[in-house]
Amino acid sequence: MNVKDLKVGCQTFTWEMLGKAWTGGPDDLLKAIADGGYAGIEITDTMIGHYAGKPAEFAAALKASGLMLVSFAFGSNSGFTLKEKIGTDLDTAKRWIDFAAAFPGALVSMGSATVVSDGPRDDKFAIAAEVYNKAGELGRKAGVDVAVHPSSHHNTLLFDRTDYDTIFALLDPDLVGWVPDTGHILRGHKDMADTLRTHRDRIRYIHLKDVDANGTWAMLGKGVCDTPAVIEIAGTAPRFNGWLVLEEESETAAADPAGAVKTNRQTMRSYSA
């Protein structure tokens, strides 16, 4: 894939991380992201607001903003690791898969399984894999690709390279894709390029964000993420759909979310356009 074919989207977690300090709504997000120069948006269940259950209205708002829905992302209070919550988690997955089905090409991203229950950690992989694979089956029926998004947050199940290898060995590659997050990979382990290459066949799209050498979130291009290498590897991934979704969690973004994502979009142009 030529770098000029890349499409650049923005993840709404930049605002979500503000918690109660963020008092806006989804229309404010669309405006900020469109004004920032992005072509697409990845929105979460927390930020969809009054558009939840109203895909036609959200589609109209996206069109008016000149944006595409890249993916709909959601997590679970169960962390996808509680066997007794599998049914509830799959009901939630179906709800958002049905929502995403109204947007051609949009995916559903399921967040990293977080170990929130008692018992051996190793046992949690099988539970998480069951949820992900069954959600993937629901997605296939609806014509929506489902992908898993590992993180590096406290107590996550999918943190280091061994965890990635373990979960991927349990996931059907035709049912469940992967949304690599460069920042989380770098925080969990240092072999980002090798991790991307090893599991490149699973890549659907990419979360691009930066960290410094200590693992602290940094603005794009200000940390240790080798963005040109990420772009090169993505271009060899057979199921990569061309979307790089920029996500920003640095202190700079906490002070000025709209300004930070706009700066990142400008930085991205030096790599891809």
C-alpha atoms as a PDB file:
ATOM      1  CA  MET A   1       0.000   0.000   0.000  1.00  0.00           C
ATOM      2  CA  ASN A   2       1.290   3.430  -0.929  1.00  0.00           C
ATOM      3  CA  VAL A   3       1.452   5.907   1.949  1.00  0.00           C
ATOM      4  CA  LYS A   4      -0.746   8.235  -0.080  1.00  0.00           C
ATOM      5  CA  ASP A   5      -3.511   5.639   0.149  1.00  0.00           C
ATOM      6  CA  LEU A   6      -3.592   5.857   3.932  1.00  0.00           C
ATOM      7  CA  LYS A   7      -6.661   7.314   5.616  1.00  0.00           C
ATOM      8  CA  VAL A   8      -6.335   9.122   8.927  1.00  0.00           C
ATOM      9  CA  GLY A   9      -8.975   8.938  11.640  1.00  0.00           C
ATOM     10  CA  CYS A  10      -9.225  10.172  15.224  1.00  0.00           C
ATOM     11  CA  GLN A  11     -10.200   8.266  18.371  1.00  0.00           C
ATOM     12  CA  THR A  12     -12.500  10.028  20.814  1.00  0.00           C
ATOM     13  CA  PHE A  13     -10.730   8.763  23.952  1.00  0.00           C
ATOM     14  CA  THR A  14      -8.781  12.026  23.965  1.00  0.00           C
ATOM     15  CA  TRP A  15     -11.958  13.601  25.332  1.00  0.00           C
ATOM     16  CA  GLU A  16     -13.210  10.571  27.219  1.00  0.00           C
ATOM     17  CA  MET A  17     -10.117  10.524  29.429  1.00  0.00           C
ATOM     18  CA  LEU A  18     -11.131  13.938  30.793  1.00  0.00           C
ATOM     19  CA  GLY A  19     -13.987  12.331  32.691  1.00  0.00           C
ATOM     20  CA  LYS A  20     -16.375  14.806  34.280  1.00  0.00           C
ATOM     21  CA  ALA A  21     -14.231  17.676  33.031  1.00  0.00           C
ATOM     22  CA  TRP A  22     -15.663  17.002  29.563  1.00  0.00           C
ATOM     23  CA  THR A  23     -19.153  18.439  29.334  1.00  0.00           C
ATOM     24  CA  GLY A  24     -19.640  18.321  25.576  1.00  0.00           C
ATOM     25  CA  GLY A  25     -21.439  15.807  23.401  1.00  0.00           C
ATOM     26  CA  PRO A  26     -20.876  13.768  20.246  1.00  0.00           C
ATOM     27  CA  ASP A  27     -21.595  16.695  17.926  1.00  0.00           C
ATOM     28  CA  ASP A  28     -18.782  18.644  19.579  1.00  0.00           C
ATOM     29  CA  LEU A  29     -16.478  15.704  18.904  1.00  0.00           C
ATOM     30  CA  LEU A  30     -17.456  15.572  15.239  1.00  0.00           C
ATOM     31  CA  LYS A  31     -16.749  19.282  14.841  1.00  0.00           C
ATOM     32  CA  ALA A  32     -13.368  19.148  16.570  1.00  0.00           C
ATOM     33  CA  ILE A  33     -12.261  16.091  14.598  1.00  0.00           C
ATOM     34  CA  ALA A  34     -13.459  17.459  11.270  1.00  0.00           C
ATOM     35  CA  ASP A  35     -11.841  20.827  11.995  1.00  0.00           C
ATOM     36  CA  GLY A  36      -8.648  18.958  12.838  1.00  0.00           C
ATOM     37  CA  GLY A  37      -8.424  17.692   9.280  1.00  0.00           C
ATOM     38  CA  TYR A  38      -9.379  14.054   9.806  1.00  0.00           C
ATOM     39  CA  ALA A  39     -11.290  11.837   7.400  1.00  0.00           C
ATOM     40  CA  GLY A  40     -12.735   9.442   9.955  1.00  0.00           C
ATOM     41  CA  ILE A  41     -13.664   8.865  13.560  1.00  0.00           C
ATOM     42  CA  GLU A  42     -13.547   5.977  15.978  1.00  0.00           C
ATOM     43  CA  ILE A  43     -16.111   6.555  18.702  1.00  0.00           C
ATOM     44  CA  THR A  44     -16.825   4.619  21.884  1.00  0.00           C
ATOM     45  CA  ASP A  45     -19.936   3.506  23.678  1.00  0.00           C
ATOM     46  CA  THR A  46     -19.174   6.109  26.339  1.00  0.00           C
ATOM     47  CA  MET A  47     -19.034   8.989  23.852  1.00  0.00           C
ATOM     48  CA  ILE A  48     -21.786   8.111  21.361  1.00  0.00           C
ATOM     49  CA  GLY A  49     -24.283   9.915  23.596  1.00  0.00           C
ATOM     50  CA  HIS A  50     -27.717  10.637  22.136  1.00  0.00           C
ATOM     51  CA  TYR A  51     -26.861   8.817  18.900  1.00  0.00           C
ATOM     52  CA  ALA A  52     -26.883   5.414  20.645  1.00  0.00           C
ATOM     53  CA  GLY A  53     -29.562   3.350  18.943  1.00  0.00           C
ATOM     54  CA  LYS A  54     -29.919   5.968  16.210  1.00  0.00           C
ATOM     55  CA  PRO A  55     -27.484   4.954  13.458  1.00  0.00           C
ATOM     56  CA  ALA A  56     -29.360   6.837  10.736  1.00  0.00           C
ATOM     57  CA  GLU A  57     -29.114  10.088  12.665  1.00  0.00           C
ATOM     58  CA  PHE A  58     -25.443   9.501  13.392  1.00  0.00           C
ATOM     59  CA  ALA A  59     -24.814   8.728   9.725  1.00  0.00           C
ATOM     60  CA  ALA A  60     -26.399  12.049   8.783  1.00  0.00           C
ATOM     61  CA  ALA A  61     -24.240  13.896  11.328  1.00  0.00           C
ATOM     62  CA  LEU A  62     -21.111  12.181  10.019  1.00  0.00           C
ATOM     63  CA  LYS A  63     -21.984  13.091   6.443  1.00  0.00           C
ATOM     64  CA  ALA A  64     -22.559  16.716   7.405  1.00  0.00           C
ATOM     65  CA  SER A  65     -19.145  16.732   9.070  1.00  0.00           C
ATOM     66  CA  GLY A  66     -17.389  15.072   6.149  1.00  0.00           C
ATOM     67  CA  LEU A  67     -16.370  12.102   8.300  1.00  0.00           C
ATOM     68  CA  MET A  68     -16.588   8.316   8.023  1.00  0.00           C
ATOM     69  CA  LEU A  69     -17.083   5.886  10.890  1.00  0.00           C
ATOM     70  CA  VAL A  70     -13.897   3.839  11.039  1.00  0.00           C
ATOM     71  CA  SER A  71     -14.875   1.757  14.025  1.00  0.00           C
ATOM     72  CA  PHE A  72     -17.109   1.587  17.065  1.00  0.00           C
ATOM     73  CA  ALA A  73     -15.203   0.662  20.221  1.00  0.00           C
ATOM     74  CA  PHE A  74     -16.521  -0.731  23.478  1.00  0.00           C
ATOM     75  CA  GLY A  75     -15.285  -2.450  26.595  1.00  0.00           C
ATOM     76  CA  SER A  76     -16.903  -4.272  29.498  1.00  0.00           C
ATOM     77  CA  ASN A  77     -16.955  -3.922  33.253  1.00  0.00           C
ATOM     78  CA  SER A  78     -16.415  -7.672  33.342  1.00  0.00           C
ATOM     79  CA  GLY A  79     -13.186  -7.245  31.424  1.00  0.00           C
ATOM     80  CA  PHE A  80     -14.388 -10.092  29.187  1.00  0.00           C
ATOM     81  CA  THR A  81     -12.916 -12.470  31.799  1.00  0.00           C
ATOM     82  CA  LEU A  82     -15.970 -13.476  33.828  1.00  0.00           C
ATOM     83  CA  LYS A  83     -17.632 -16.668  32.618  1.00  0.00           C
ATOM     84  CA  GLU A  84     -20.977 -15.724  34.137  1.00  0.00           C
ATOM     85  CA  LYS A  85     -20.940 -12.452  32.167  1.00  0.00           C
ATOM     86  CA  ILE A  86     -20.301 -13.973  28.736  1.00  0.00           C
ATOM     87  CA  GLY A  87     -23.966 -13.772  27.756  1.00  0.00           C
ATOM     88  CA  THR A  88     -24.256 -10.146  28.843  1.00  0.00           C
ATOM     89  CA  ASP A  89     -21.035  -9.220  27.050  1.00  0.00           C
ATOM     90  CA  LEU A  90     -22.243 -10.869  23.861  1.00  0.00           C
ATOM     91  CA  ASP A  91     -25.582  -9.066  24.068  1.00  0.00           C
ATOM     92  CA  THR A  92     -23.622  -5.813  24.246  1.00  0.00           C
ATOM     93  CA  ALA A  93     -21.437  -6.886  21.337  1.00  0.00           C
ATOM     94  CA  LYS A  94     -24.491  -7.631  19.228  1.00  0.00           C
ATOM     95  CA  ARG A  95     -25.993  -4.241  20.038  1.00  0.00           C
ATOM     96  CA  TRP A  96     -22.944  -2.377  18.758  1.00  0.00           C
ATOM     97  CA  ILE A  97     -22.355  -4.742  15.840  1.00  0.00           C
ATOM     98  CA  ASP A  98     -25.914  -4.036  14.688  1.00  0.00           C
ATOM     99  CA  PHE A  99     -25.223  -0.316  15.077  1.00  0.00           C
ATOM    100  CA  ALA A 100     -21.978  -0.501  13.080  1.00  0.00           C
ATOM    101  CA  ALA A 101     -23.687  -2.524  10.349  1.00  0.00           C
ATOM    102  CA  ALA A 102     -25.357   0.694   9.204  1.00  0.00           C
ATOM    103  CA  PHE A 103     -21.950   2.093   8.224  1.00  0.00           C
ATOM    104  CA  PRO A 104     -20.267   0.343   5.270  1.00  0.00           C
ATOM    105  CA  GLY A 105     -16.764  -0.777   6.154  1.00  0.00           C
ATOM    106  CA  ALA A 106     -16.989   0.166   9.834  1.00  0.00           C
ATOM    107  CA  LEU A 107     -15.568  -2.288  12.355  1.00  0.00           C
ATOM    108  CA  VAL A 108     -16.317  -3.042  15.971  1.00  0.00           C
ATOM    109  CA  SER A 109     -13.339  -2.924  18.316  1.00  0.00           C
ATOM    110  CA  MET A 110     -13.480  -4.782  21.612  1.00  0.00           C
ATOM    111  CA  GLY A 111     -11.213  -3.487  24.323  1.00  0.00           C
ATOM    112  CA  SER A 112      -8.535  -5.388  26.119  1.00  0.00           C
ATOM    113  CA  ALA A 113      -9.665  -8.017  28.597  1.00  0.00           C
ATOM    114  CA  THR A 114      -8.900  -6.773  32.100  1.00  0.00           C
ATOM    115  CA  VAL A 115      -8.415  -9.249  34.900  1.00  0.00           C
ATOM    116  CA  VAL A 116     -11.132  -8.219  37.335  1.00  0.00           C
ATOM    117  CA  SER A 117     -12.095 -11.576  38.804  1.00  0.00           C
ATOM    118  CA  ASP A 118     -10.473 -13.978  41.232  1.00  0.00           C
ATOM    119  CA  GLY A 119      -8.764 -17.105  40.025  1.00  0.00           C
ATOM    120  CA  PRO A 120      -5.706 -18.046  37.986  1.00  0.00           C
ATOM    121  CA  ARG A 121      -4.782 -15.435  35.404  1.00  0.00           C
ATOM    122  CA  ASP A 122      -4.108 -18.084  32.782  1.00  0.00           C
ATOM    123  CA  ASP A 123      -7.717 -19.249  32.969  1.00  0.00           C
ATOM    124  CA  LYS A 124      -8.925 -15.839  31.869  1.00  0.00           C
ATOM    125  CA  PHE A 125      -7.501 -16.190  28.360  1.00  0.00           C
ATOM    126  CA  ALA A 126      -9.937 -18.959  27.492  1.00  0.00           C
ATOM    127  CA  ILE A 127     -12.904 -16.914  28.739  1.00  0.00           C
ATOM    128  CA  ALA A 128     -11.793 -13.822  26.830  1.00  0.00           C
ATOM    129  CA  ALA A 129     -11.178 -15.853  23.685  1.00  0.00           C
ATOM    130  CA  GLU A 130     -14.659 -17.353  23.909  1.00  0.00           C
ATOM    131  CA  VAL A 131     -16.209 -13.889  24.076  1.00  0.00           C
ATOM    132  CA  TYR A 132     -14.084 -12.531  21.222  1.00  0.00           C
ATOM    133  CA  ASN A 133     -14.677 -15.533  18.955  1.00  0.00           C
ATOM    134  CA  LYS A 134     -18.423 -15.592  19.546  1.00  0.00           C
ATOM    135  CA  ALA A 135     -18.576 -11.845  18.950  1.00  0.00           C
ATOM    136  CA  GLY A 136     -16.687 -12.468  15.731  1.00  0.00           C
ATOM    137  CA  GLU A 137     -19.368 -14.937  14.687  1.00  0.00           C
ATOM    138  CA  LEU A 138     -22.035 -12.325  15.383  1.00  0.00           C
ATOM    139  CA  GLY A 139     -20.052  -9.865  13.317  1.00  0.00           C
ATOM    140  CA  ARG A 140     -19.736 -12.241  10.375  1.00  0.00           C
ATOM    141  CA  LYS A 141     -23.499 -12.741  10.326  1.00  0.00           C
ATOM    142  CA  ALA A 142     -24.002  -8.966  10.287  1.00  0.00           C
ATOM    143  CA  GLY A 143     -21.243  -8.254   7.775  1.00  0.00           C
ATOM    144  CA  VAL A 144     -19.135  -6.389  10.337  1.00  0.00           C
ATOM    145  CA  ASP A 145     -15.493  -7.140  11.091  1.00  0.00           C
ATOM    146  CA  VAL A 146     -14.716  -7.511  14.804  1.00  0.00           C
ATOM    147  CA  ALA A 147     -11.250  -6.844  16.198  1.00  0.00           C
ATOM    148  CA  VAL A 148      -9.555  -6.946  19.592  1.00  0.00           C
ATOM    149  CA  HIS A 149      -7.686  -3.927  20.953  1.00  0.00           C
ATOM    150  CA  PRO A 150      -5.109  -4.850  23.634  1.00  0.00           C
ATOM    151  CA  SER A 151      -4.002  -2.173  26.077  1.00  0.00           C
ATOM    152  CA  SER A 152      -1.301  -1.584  28.669  1.00  0.00           C
ATOM    153  CA  HIS A 153      -3.515  -0.237  31.428  1.00  0.00           C
ATOM    154  CA  HIS A 154      -3.277  -1.480  34.998  1.00  0.00           C
ATOM    155  CA  ASN A 155      -4.114  -5.158  35.449  1.00  0.00           C
ATOM    156  CA  THR A 156      -4.793  -5.832  31.787  1.00  0.00           C
ATOM    157  CA  LEU A 157      -4.807  -9.399  30.554  1.00  0.00           C
ATOM    158  CA  LEU A 158      -3.062  -8.458  27.294  1.00  0.00           C
ATOM    159  CA  PHE A 159       0.081  -6.616  28.288  1.00  0.00           C
ATOM    160  CA  ASP A 160       3.307  -8.163  27.070  1.00  0.00           C
ATOM    161  CA  ARG A 161       4.332 -10.175  24.029  1.00  0.00           C
ATOM    162  CA  THR A 162       3.575 -13.510  25.674  1.00  0.00           C
ATOM    163  CA  ASP A 163       0.022 -12.338  26.354  1.00  0.00           C
ATOM    164  CA  TYR A 164      -0.430 -11.320  22.729  1.00  0.00           C
ATOM    165  CA  ASP A 165       0.838 -14.661  21.488  1.00  0.00           C
ATOM    166  CA  THR A 166      -1.391 -16.512  23.952  1.00  0.00           C
ATOM    167  CA  ILE A 167      -4.640 -14.763  23.024  1.00  0.00           C
ATOM    168  CA  PHE A 168      -3.973 -14.877  19.292  1.00  0.00           C
ATOM    169  CA  ALA A 169      -3.394 -18.628  19.481  1.00  0.00           C
ATOM    170  CA  LEU A 170      -6.947 -18.915  20.838  1.00  0.00           C
ATOM    171  CA  LEU A 171      -8.643 -16.573  18.366  1.00  0.00           C
ATOM    172  CA  ASP A 172      -9.970 -17.558  14.943  1.00  0.00           C
ATOM    173  CA  PRO A 173      -8.117 -15.190  12.578  1.00  0.00           C
ATOM    174  CA  ASP A 174     -11.056 -15.191  10.192  1.00  0.00           C
ATOM    175  CA  LEU A 175     -13.479 -14.120  12.914  1.00  0.00           C
ATOM    176  CA  VAL A 176     -11.431 -11.753  15.057  1.00  0.00           C
ATOM    177  CA  GLY A 177      -8.921  -9.208  13.809  1.00  0.00           C
ATOM    178  CA  TRP A 178      -6.418  -7.075  15.669  1.00  0.00           C
ATOM    179  CA  VAL A 179      -6.205  -3.346  16.243  1.00  0.00           C
ATOM    180  CA  PRO A 180      -2.555  -2.871  17.187  1.00  0.00           C
ATOM    181  CA  ASP A 181      -1.981   0.158  19.401  1.00  0.00           C
ATOM    182  CA  THR A 182       1.575   1.376  19.060  1.00  0.00           C
ATOM    183  CA  GLY A 183       1.603   3.196  22.382  1.00  0.00           C
ATOM    184  CA  HIS A 184       0.278   0.236  24.329  1.00  0.00           C
ATOM    185  CA  ILE A 185       2.708  -2.161  22.631  1.00  0.00           C
ATOM    186  CA  LEU A 186       5.631   0.099  23.497  1.00  0.00           C
ATOM    187  CA  ARG A 187       4.484   0.364  27.117  1.00  0.00           C
ATOM    188  CA  GLY A 188       3.999  -3.369  27.479  1.00  0.00           C
ATOM    189  CA  HIS A 189       7.120  -4.514  25.643  1.00  0.00           C
ATOM    190  CA  LYS A 190       9.737  -2.985  23.399  1.00  0.00           C
ATOM    191  CA  ASP A 191       9.534  -5.222  20.331  1.00  0.00           C
ATOM    192  CA  MET A 192       6.853  -3.251  18.536  1.00  0.00           C
ATOM    193  CA  ALA A 193       8.060  -3.854  14.980  1.00  0.00           C
ATOM    194  CA  ASP A 194       8.550  -7.575  15.548  1.00  0.00           C
ATOM    195  CA  THR A 195       5.130  -7.877  17.197  1.00  0.00           C
ATOM    196  CA  LEU A 196       3.477  -6.117  14.268  1.00  0.00           C
ATOM    197  CA  ARG A 197       5.298  -8.271  11.720  1.00  0.00           C
ATOM    198  CA  THR A 198       4.636 -11.544  13.536  1.00  0.00           C
ATOM    199  CA  HIS A 199       0.897 -10.970  13.686  1.00  0.00           C
ATOM    200  CA  ARG A 200       0.505  -8.808  10.584  1.00  0.00           C
ATOM    201  CA  ASP A 201      -2.104 -11.125   9.048  1.00  0.00           C
ATOM    202  CA  ARG A 202      -4.489 -10.169  11.849  1.00  0.00           C
ATOM    203  CA  ILE A 203      -4.162  -6.379  11.462  1.00  0.00           C
ATOM    204  CA  ARG A 204      -7.371  -4.651  10.385  1.00  0.00           C
ATOM    205  CA  TYR A 205      -6.464  -1.034  11.177  1.00  0.00           C
ATOM    206  CA  ILE A 206      -3.999   0.659  13.526  1.00  0.00           C
ATOM    207  CA  HIS A 207      -4.124   2.898  16.577  1.00  0.00           C
ATOM    208  CA  LEU A 208      -1.165   5.211  16.306  1.00  0.00           C
ATOM    209  CA  LYS A 209       0.068   6.959  19.410  1.00  0.00           C
ATOM    210  CA  ASP A 210       3.373   7.799  21.005  1.00  0.00           C
ATOM    211  CA  VAL A 211       5.136   7.369  24.341  1.00  0.00           C
ATOM    212  CA  ASP A 212       8.476   8.549  25.672  1.00  0.00           C
ATOM    213  CA  ALA A 213      11.254   6.213  26.772  1.00  0.00           C
ATOM    214  CA  ASN A 214       9.628   5.888  30.201  1.00  0.00           C
ATOM    215  CA  GLY A 215       6.273   4.846  28.769  1.00  0.00           C
ATOM    216  CA  THR A 216       4.589   8.194  29.417  1.00  0.00           C
ATOM    217  CA  TRP A 217       2.107   9.276  26.749  1.00  0.00           C
ATOM    218  CA  ALA A 218       3.562  11.797  24.317  1.00  0.00           C
ATOM    219  CA  MET A 219       2.331  13.776  21.352  1.00  0.00           C
ATOM    220  CA  LEU A 220       2.820  12.035  18.014  1.00  0.00           C
ATOM    221  CA  GLY A 221       6.422  12.379  16.867  1.00  0.00           C
ATOM    222  CA  LYS A 222       7.642  13.471  20.303  1.00  0.00           C
ATOM    223  CA  GLY A 223       8.299  10.002  21.665  1.00  0.00           C
ATOM    224  CA  VAL A 224       9.929   6.738  20.641  1.00  0.00           C
ATOM    225  CA  CYS A 225       7.308   5.373  18.233  1.00  0.00           C
ATOM    226  CA  ASP A 226       8.859   4.698  14.827  1.00  0.00           C
ATOM    227  CA  THR A 227       5.885   5.849  12.761  1.00  0.00           C
ATOM    228  CA  PRO A 228       7.508   5.277   9.341  1.00  0.00           C
ATOM    229  CA  ALA A 229       8.201   1.666  10.346  1.00  0.00           C
ATOM    230  CA  VAL A 230       4.580   1.216  11.436  1.00  0.00           C
ATOM    231  CA  ILE A 231       3.375   2.541   8.087  1.00  0.00           C
ATOM    232  CA  GLU A 232       5.777   0.251   6.218  1.00  0.00           C
ATOM    233  CA  ILE A 233       4.647  -2.845   8.103  1.00  0.00           C
ATOM    234  CA  ALA A 234       0.964  -1.939   7.779  1.00  0.00           C
ATOM    235  CA  GLY A 235       1.427  -1.717   4.040  1.00  0.00           C
ATOM    236  CA  THR A 236       2.387  -5.413   3.973  1.00  0.00           C
ATOM    237  CA  ALA A 237      -0.558  -6.584   6.109  1.00  0.00           C
ATOM    238  CA  PRO A 238      -3.013  -8.372   3.801  1.00  0.00           C
ATOM    239  CA  ARG A 239      -6.183  -7.301   5.639  1.00  0.00           C
ATOM    240  CA  PHE A 240      -5.138  -3.788   6.662  1.00  0.00           C
ATOM    241  CA  ASN A 241      -7.925  -1.462   5.521  1.00  0.00           C
ATOM    242  CA  GLY A 242      -5.788   1.658   5.194  1.00  0.00           C
ATOM    243  CA  TRP A 243      -6.941   3.457   8.345  1.00  0.00           C
ATOM    244  CA  LEU A 244      -4.491   4.904  10.828  1.00  0.00           C
ATOM    245  CA  VAL A 245      -6.468   6.100  13.836  1.00  0.00           C
ATOM    246  CA  LEU A 246      -4.592   8.656  15.904  1.00  0.00           C
ATOM    247  CA  GLU A 247      -5.260   8.524  19.633  1.00  0.00           C
ATOM    248  CA  GLU A 248      -3.819  11.063  22.040  1.00  0.00           C
ATOM    249  CA  GLU A 249      -3.638  10.686  25.810  1.00  0.00           C
ATOM    250  CA  SER A 250      -0.796  13.037  26.733  1.00  0.00           C
ATOM    251  CA  GLU A 251      -0.944  15.916  29.206  1.00  0.00           C
ATOM    252  CA  THR A 252      -0.925  18.240  26.208  1.00  0.00           C
ATOM    253  CA  ALA A 253      -4.181  16.688  25.041  1.00  0.00           C
ATOM    254  CA  ALA A 254      -5.697  16.858  28.502  1.00  0.00           C
ATOM    255  CA  ALA A 255      -5.145  20.629  28.466  1.00  0.00           C
ATOM    256  CA  ASP A 256      -6.413  21.182  24.907  1.00  0.00           C
ATOM    257  CA  PRO A 257      -7.933  18.106  23.255  1.00  0.00           C
ATOM    258  CA  ALA A 258      -8.995  19.765  19.996  1.00  0.00           C
ATOM    259  CA  GLY A 259      -5.675  21.552  19.626  1.00  0.00           C
ATOM    260  CA  ALA A 260      -3.699  18.389  20.339  1.00  0.00           C
ATOM    261  CA  VAL A 261      -5.485  16.218  17.800  1.00  0.00           C
ATOM    262  CA  LYS A 262      -5.150  18.970  15.200  1.00  0.00           C
ATOM    263  CA  THR A 263      -1.396  19.149  15.849  1.00  0.00           C
ATOM    264  CA  ASN A 264      -1.119  15.370  15.520  1.00  0.00           C
ATOM    265  CA  ARG A 265      -2.920  15.492  12.180  1.00  0.00           C
ATOM    266  CA  GLN A 266      -0.416  18.064  10.972  1.00  0.00           C
ATOM    267  CA  THR A 267       2.439  15.865  12.185  1.00  0.00           C
ATOM    268  CA  MET A 268       0.938  12.904  10.351  1.00  0.00           C
ATOM    269  CA  ARG A 269       1.097  14.767   7.061  1.00  0.00           C
ATOM    270  CA  SER A 270       4.876  14.687   7.229  1.00  0.00           C
ATOM    271  CA  TYR A 271       4.678  10.876   7.180  1.00  0.00           C
ATOM    272  CA  SER A 272       1.814  10.091   4.832  1.00  0.00           C
ATOM    273  CA  ALA A 273       1.090  13.040   2.588  1.00  0.00           C
END
